[in-house]
């Protein structure tokens, strides 16, 4: 059974940093790209970042480029999102996801990030 468990969210002041973690299980982690999405209240879910299987290719949404860094550890089945210089508009629930796979319908519970101004 595929499981994605996000953690690391919290309340932070604007300009601060957080590191999100996602523990993945139930599939061969190293074979799939991984993504982080976020969803703010009243808004559609937004793609934040994607990392390739080996970590050699990284892609970011325009709103987070230069501030967020996605990474992964295939030996631990973990994917991370380092978020720096956070802004109030980054407030959302953050989810990790397995794109373009048989598991694309799976979502974790997400982790709440709240940035105060």
Protein backbone atom coordinates (compact mmCIF):
# COMPACT_ATOMS: atom_id res chain seq x y z
CA UNK A 1 0.00 0.00 0.00
CA UNK A 2 1.41 3.34 -1.07
CA UNK A 3 1.86 5.81 1.77
CA UNK A 4 3.10 9.39 1.72
CA UNK A 5 3.58 11.04 5.09
CA UNK A 6 4.45 14.72 5.14
CA UNK A 7 5.91 16.52 8.15
CA UNK A 8 7.82 19.63 9.13
CA UNK A 9 5.20 22.31 8.68
CA UNK A 10 4.46 24.98 11.21
CA UNK A 11 4.05 28.67 11.91
CA UNK A 12 6.91 30.93 10.87
CA UNK A 13 7.40 34.64 10.40
CA UNK A 14 7.94 36.11 6.96
CA UNK A 15 11.57 35.73 5.95
CA UNK A 16 11.96 32.55 7.95
CA UNK A 17 12.69 29.01 6.85
CA UNK A 18 11.17 25.56 7.15
CA UNK A 19 12.20 22.13 5.92
CA UNK A 20 9.45 19.75 4.92
CA UNK A 21 9.93 16.00 4.78
CA UNK A 22 7.96 13.27 3.05
CA UNK A 23 8.35 9.62 3.98
CA UNK A 24 7.31 7.33 1.13
CA UNK A 25 6.56 3.63 1.27
CA UNK A 26 4.76 0.89 -0.63
CA UNK A 27 6.49 1.38 -3.99
CA UNK A 28 9.99 1.41 -5.47
CA UNK A 29 10.84 4.98 -4.53
CA UNK A 30 14.01 5.29 -6.59
CA UNK A 31 12.16 4.56 -9.84
CA UNK A 32 9.90 7.60 -9.72
CA UNK A 33 10.17 11.34 -9.87
CA UNK A 34 8.64 13.09 -6.88
CA UNK A 35 6.85 16.40 -6.53
CA UNK A 36 5.67 18.82 -3.89
CA UNK A 37 2.31 20.52 -4.31
CA UNK A 38 0.53 23.06 -2.16
CA UNK A 39 -3.05 24.19 -1.72
CA UNK A 40 -4.08 27.43 -0.11
CA UNK A 41 -7.64 28.00 1.15
CA UNK A 42 -10.01 28.66 -1.72
CA UNK A 43 -7.34 27.99 -4.34
CA UNK A 44 -6.49 25.10 -6.62
CA UNK A 45 -3.64 22.76 -5.82
CA UNK A 46 -0.37 24.19 -7.22
CA UNK A 47 2.77 22.38 -8.32
CA UNK A 48 5.72 23.67 -6.29
CA UNK A 49 8.67 21.53 -7.34
CA UNK A 50 9.64 18.26 -9.00
CA UNK A 51 12.77 16.16 -8.70
CA UNK A 52 13.87 13.39 -11.05
CA UNK A 53 14.68 9.86 -9.93
CA UNK A 54 18.37 10.58 -9.33
CA UNK A 55 17.94 14.20 -8.30
CA UNK A 56 19.73 15.42 -11.40
CA UNK A 57 16.79 17.39 -12.74
CA UNK A 58 14.90 19.90 -10.63
CA UNK A 59 11.95 22.03 -11.66
CA UNK A 60 10.24 24.78 -9.69
CA UNK A 61 7.14 26.87 -9.93
CA UNK A 62 7.82 30.49 -10.77
CA UNK A 63 6.58 31.68 -7.39
CA UNK A 64 9.20 29.70 -5.45
CA UNK A 65 12.25 29.77 -7.73
CA UNK A 66 15.34 30.89 -5.88
CA UNK A 67 13.73 30.35 -2.46
CA UNK A 68 12.79 26.66 -2.31
CA UNK A 69 14.99 23.61 -2.89
CA UNK A 70 13.72 20.08 -3.46
CA UNK A 71 15.94 17.10 -2.69
CA UNK A 72 15.65 13.38 -2.10
CA UNK A 73 17.41 10.50 -0.37
CA UNK A 74 16.72 7.26 -2.22
CA UNK A 75 18.35 5.14 0.49
CA UNK A 76 15.80 6.46 3.00
CA UNK A 77 12.78 6.82 0.67
CA UNK A 78 12.54 10.48 1.62
CA UNK A 79 11.90 13.68 -0.29
CA UNK A 80 12.48 17.13 1.20
CA UNK A 81 11.54 20.72 0.53
CA UNK A 82 13.78 23.39 1.98
CA UNK A 83 11.87 26.67 2.06
CA UNK A 84 13.74 29.91 2.66
CA UNK A 85 12.66 33.54 2.70
CA UNK A 86 9.09 32.48 3.27
CA UNK A 87 6.30 34.88 2.39
CA UNK A 88 2.70 35.07 3.64
CA UNK A 89 1.55 33.90 0.20
CA UNK A 90 3.39 30.61 0.81
CA UNK A 91 0.78 29.75 3.43
CA UNK A 92 -0.84 26.49 2.36
CA UNK A 93 -1.06 22.78 3.02
CA UNK A 94 1.91 21.10 1.37
CA UNK A 95 1.73 17.61 -0.13
CA UNK A 96 4.24 15.29 -1.70
CA UNK A 97 3.15 13.38 -4.77
CA UNK A 98 4.28 10.73 -7.24
CA UNK A 99 3.71 12.22 -10.68
CA UNK A 100 3.32 10.30 -13.91
CA UNK A 101 3.01 6.91 -12.25
CA UNK A 102 0.48 4.22 -11.34
CA UNK A 103 0.34 5.93 -7.96
CA UNK A 104 -0.63 9.43 -9.07
CA UNK A 105 -3.96 9.13 -7.30
CA UNK A 106 -2.28 8.79 -3.91
CA UNK A 107 -1.99 11.80 -1.64
CA UNK A 108 -0.86 12.09 1.95
CA UNK A 109 -2.52 14.14 4.65
CA UNK A 110 -0.29 17.11 3.95
CA UNK A 111 1.49 19.43 6.35
CA UNK A 112 0.30 22.95 7.14
CA UNK A 113 2.65 25.86 6.57
CA UNK A 114 1.57 29.23 7.90
CA UNK A 115 3.66 32.34 7.30
CA UNK A 116 2.82 35.42 9.32
CA UNK A 117 3.58 38.92 8.12
